[in-house]
């Protein structure tokens, strides 16, 4: 039982330690004070999607090739 509690505490500790408060809203809403800094997601996200599709295609190809030889 103690082991389970220790595992749960260790799993939740990073979430509790690194939690940051939400920044206060801007005065007029026009100064770009957005949570996350307005970081663009398009470049990295499209690369990850392409890599995932390529990996899935390779796995399907290997599975079909392996099932033909058996």
N, C-alpha and C. Protein backbone atom coordinates (compact mmCIF):
# COMPACT_ATOMS: atom_id res chain seq x y z
N UNK A 1 0.82 -1.19 0.00
CA UNK A 1 0.00 0.00 0.00
C UNK A 1 0.87 1.26 0.00
N UNK A 2 1.94 1.23 0.78
CA UNK A 2 2.84 2.38 0.83
C UNK A 2 3.49 2.60 -0.53
N UNK A 3 3.77 1.51 -1.22
CA UNK A 3 4.40 1.61 -2.52
C UNK A 3 3.50 2.34 -3.52
N UNK A 4 2.21 2.04 -3.48
CA UNK A 4 1.25 2.66 -4.39
C UNK A 4 1.15 4.16 -4.10
N UNK A 5 1.12 4.53 -2.83
CA UNK A 5 1.03 5.94 -2.47
C UNK A 5 2.29 6.69 -2.92
N UNK A 6 3.45 6.09 -2.75
CA UNK A 6 4.70 6.71 -3.19
C UNK A 6 4.70 6.89 -4.70
N UNK A 7 4.23 5.90 -5.44
CA UNK A 7 4.19 6.00 -6.89
C UNK A 7 3.24 7.11 -7.32
N UNK A 8 2.08 7.21 -6.69
CA UNK A 8 1.13 8.26 -7.04
C UNK A 8 1.70 9.64 -6.73
N UNK A 9 2.34 9.79 -5.58
CA UNK A 9 2.93 11.09 -5.22
C UNK A 9 4.04 11.46 -6.20
N UNK A 10 4.88 10.51 -6.56
CA UNK A 10 5.96 10.80 -7.51
C UNK A 10 5.43 11.11 -8.91
N UNK A 11 4.33 10.50 -9.28
CA UNK A 11 3.75 10.77 -10.60
C UNK A 11 3.11 12.15 -10.65
N UNK A 12 2.52 12.59 -9.55
CA UNK A 12 1.85 13.89 -9.53
C UNK A 12 2.75 15.05 -9.12
N UNK A 13 3.91 14.78 -8.56
CA UNK A 13 4.79 15.84 -8.08
C UNK A 13 5.20 16.81 -9.19
N UNK A 14 5.61 16.35 -10.37
CA UNK A 14 6.01 17.33 -11.40
C UNK A 14 4.87 18.27 -11.80
N UNK A 15 3.66 17.77 -11.83
CA UNK A 15 2.53 18.61 -12.20
C UNK A 15 2.31 19.69 -11.15
N UNK A 16 2.45 19.34 -9.91
CA UNK A 16 2.21 20.30 -8.84
C UNK A 16 3.37 21.27 -8.67
N UNK A 17 4.58 20.81 -8.91
CA UNK A 17 5.76 21.65 -8.72
C UNK A 17 5.87 22.70 -9.83
N UNK A 18 5.62 22.32 -11.07
CA UNK A 18 5.83 23.21 -12.20
C UNK A 18 4.57 23.96 -12.63
N UNK A 19 3.52 23.87 -11.87
CA UNK A 19 2.30 24.58 -12.23
C UNK A 19 2.53 26.08 -12.14
N UNK A 20 2.11 26.80 -13.16
CA UNK A 20 2.28 28.24 -13.18
C UNK A 20 0.91 28.90 -13.18
N UNK A 21 0.80 30.04 -12.52
CA UNK A 21 -0.49 30.72 -12.50
C UNK A 21 -0.80 31.31 -13.88
N UNK A 22 -2.07 31.47 -14.16
CA UNK A 22 -2.50 32.08 -15.41
C UNK A 22 -2.16 33.56 -15.35
N UNK A 23 -1.56 34.11 -16.42
CA UNK A 23 -1.22 35.54 -16.38
C UNK A 23 -2.49 36.39 -16.33
N UNK A 24 -2.40 37.54 -15.71
CA UNK A 24 -3.59 38.40 -15.62
C UNK A 24 -3.99 38.89 -17.01
N UNK A 25 -5.27 39.12 -17.22
CA UNK A 25 -5.70 39.62 -18.53
C UNK A 25 -5.14 41.01 -18.79
N UNK A 26 -4.92 41.31 -20.05
CA UNK A 26 -4.37 42.61 -20.40
C UNK A 26 -5.41 43.71 -20.17
N UNK A 27 -4.94 44.93 -20.12
CA UNK A 27 -5.83 46.06 -19.85
C UNK A 27 -6.83 46.27 -20.98
N UNK A 28 -6.34 46.25 -22.21
CA UNK A 28 -7.23 46.51 -23.32
C UNK A 28 -7.37 45.31 -24.26
N UNK A 29 -6.68 44.23 -23.99
CA UNK A 29 -6.78 43.04 -24.82
C UNK A 29 -6.05 43.12 -26.14
N UNK A 30 -5.27 44.16 -26.36
CA UNK A 30 -4.61 44.36 -27.64
C UNK A 30 -3.09 44.25 -27.57
N UNK A 31 -2.51 44.04 -26.40
CA UNK A 31 -1.05 44.05 -26.31
C UNK A 31 -0.44 42.68 -26.56
N UNK A 32 -1.20 41.68 -26.90
CA UNK A 32 -0.65 40.37 -27.23
C UNK A 32 -0.20 39.55 -26.04
N UNK A 33 -0.67 39.86 -24.86
CA UNK A 33 -0.31 39.11 -23.67
C UNK A 33 -1.14 37.83 -23.62
N UNK A 34 -0.73 36.85 -24.41
CA UNK A 34 -1.46 35.60 -24.50
C UNK A 34 -0.73 34.51 -23.74
N UNK A 35 -1.47 33.60 -23.08
CA UNK A 35 -0.80 32.46 -22.47
C UNK A 35 -0.08 31.64 -23.53
N UNK A 36 1.15 31.28 -23.28
CA UNK A 36 1.93 30.52 -24.25
C UNK A 36 2.75 31.41 -25.15
N UNK A 37 2.57 32.71 -25.07
CA UNK A 37 3.38 33.62 -25.84
C UNK A 37 3.01 33.68 -27.31
N UNK A 38 1.93 33.07 -27.72
CA UNK A 38 1.54 33.11 -29.12
C UNK A 38 2.50 32.32 -30.00
N UNK A 39 3.06 31.23 -29.48
CA UNK A 39 4.02 30.43 -30.25
C UNK A 39 3.31 29.73 -31.41
N UNK A 40 3.91 29.75 -32.60
CA UNK A 40 3.29 29.08 -33.74
C UNK A 40 3.41 27.56 -33.59
N UNK A 41 2.35 26.87 -33.95
CA UNK A 41 2.33 25.42 -33.84
C UNK A 41 2.43 24.74 -35.20
N UNK A 42 2.27 25.46 -36.27
CA UNK A 42 2.14 24.85 -37.59
C UNK A 42 3.38 24.07 -38.00
N UNK A 43 4.55 24.63 -37.88
CA UNK A 43 5.76 23.97 -38.36
C UNK A 43 6.02 22.65 -37.67
N UNK A 44 6.06 22.65 -36.37
CA UNK A 44 6.35 21.43 -35.63
C UNK A 44 5.22 20.42 -35.70
N UNK A 45 4.00 20.90 -35.70
CA UNK A 45 2.86 20.00 -35.73
C UNK A 45 2.77 19.26 -37.06
N UNK A 46 3.02 19.97 -38.16
CA UNK A 46 2.96 19.30 -39.47
C UNK A 46 4.09 18.29 -39.62
N UNK A 47 5.25 18.59 -39.07
CA UNK A 47 6.36 17.63 -39.13
C UNK A 47 6.02 16.39 -38.32
N UNK A 48 5.45 16.57 -37.14
CA UNK A 48 5.07 15.42 -36.32
C UNK A 48 4.00 14.58 -37.00
N UNK A 49 3.04 15.22 -37.65
CA UNK A 49 2.00 14.47 -38.37
C UNK A 49 2.59 13.68 -39.52
N UNK A 50 3.51 14.28 -40.27
CA UNK A 50 4.14 13.57 -41.38
C UNK A 50 4.97 12.39 -40.89
N UNK A 51 5.71 12.59 -39.80
CA UNK A 51 6.52 11.51 -39.26
C UNK A 51 5.64 10.38 -38.74
N UNK A 52 4.51 10.71 -38.12
CA UNK A 52 3.58 9.69 -37.65
C UNK A 52 2.96 8.91 -38.79
N UNK A 53 2.62 9.60 -39.88
CA UNK A 53 2.05 8.92 -41.04
C UNK A 53 3.09 8.00 -41.69
N UNK A 54 4.33 8.46 -41.77
CA UNK A 54 5.39 7.63 -42.35
C UNK A 54 5.64 6.40 -41.48
N UNK A 55 5.65 6.58 -40.19
CA UNK A 55 5.88 5.45 -39.28
C UNK A 55 4.73 4.44 -39.38
N UNK A 56 3.50 4.93 -39.43
CA UNK A 56 2.35 4.03 -39.56
C UNK A 56 2.37 3.28 -40.87
N UNK A 57 2.75 3.96 -41.95
CA UNK A 57 2.85 3.32 -43.26
C UNK A 57 3.90 2.22 -43.24
N UNK A 58 5.03 2.50 -42.61
CA UNK A 58 6.11 1.49 -42.53
C UNK A 58 5.65 0.28 -41.73
N UNK A 59 4.94 0.52 -40.61
CA UNK A 59 4.46 -0.60 -39.79
C UNK A 59 3.47 -1.47 -40.57
N UNK A 60 2.56 -0.84 -41.32
CA UNK A 60 1.58 -1.60 -42.10
C UNK A 60 2.29 -2.38 -43.20
N UNK A 61 3.26 -1.75 -43.86
CA UNK A 61 4.02 -2.42 -44.92
C UNK A 61 4.77 -3.63 -44.37
N UNK A 62 5.44 -3.46 -43.25
CA UNK A 62 6.19 -4.58 -42.64
C UNK A 62 5.24 -5.69 -42.20
N UNK A 63 4.07 -5.34 -41.66
CA UNK A 63 3.11 -6.35 -41.22
C UNK A 63 2.60 -7.16 -42.41
N UNK A 64 2.27 -6.47 -43.50
CA UNK A 64 1.77 -7.18 -44.68
C UNK A 64 2.86 -8.04 -45.30
N UNK A 65 4.08 -7.55 -45.37
CA UNK A 65 5.19 -8.31 -45.92
C UNK A 65 5.48 -9.55 -45.07
N UNK A 66 5.43 -9.37 -43.74
CA UNK A 66 5.69 -10.49 -42.85
C UNK A 66 4.58 -11.54 -42.92
N UNK A 67 3.33 -11.11 -43.08
CA UNK A 67 2.23 -12.07 -43.15
C UNK A 67 2.23 -12.84 -44.46
N UNK A 68 2.80 -12.29 -45.52
CA UNK A 68 2.88 -13.01 -46.80
C UNK A 68 3.92 -14.13 -46.74
N UNK A 69 5.00 -13.96 -45.98
CA UNK A 69 6.06 -14.95 -45.92
C UNK A 69 5.69 -16.13 -45.04
N UNK A 70 4.72 -15.99 -44.18
CA UNK A 70 4.35 -17.08 -43.26
C UNK A 70 3.39 -18.02 -43.92
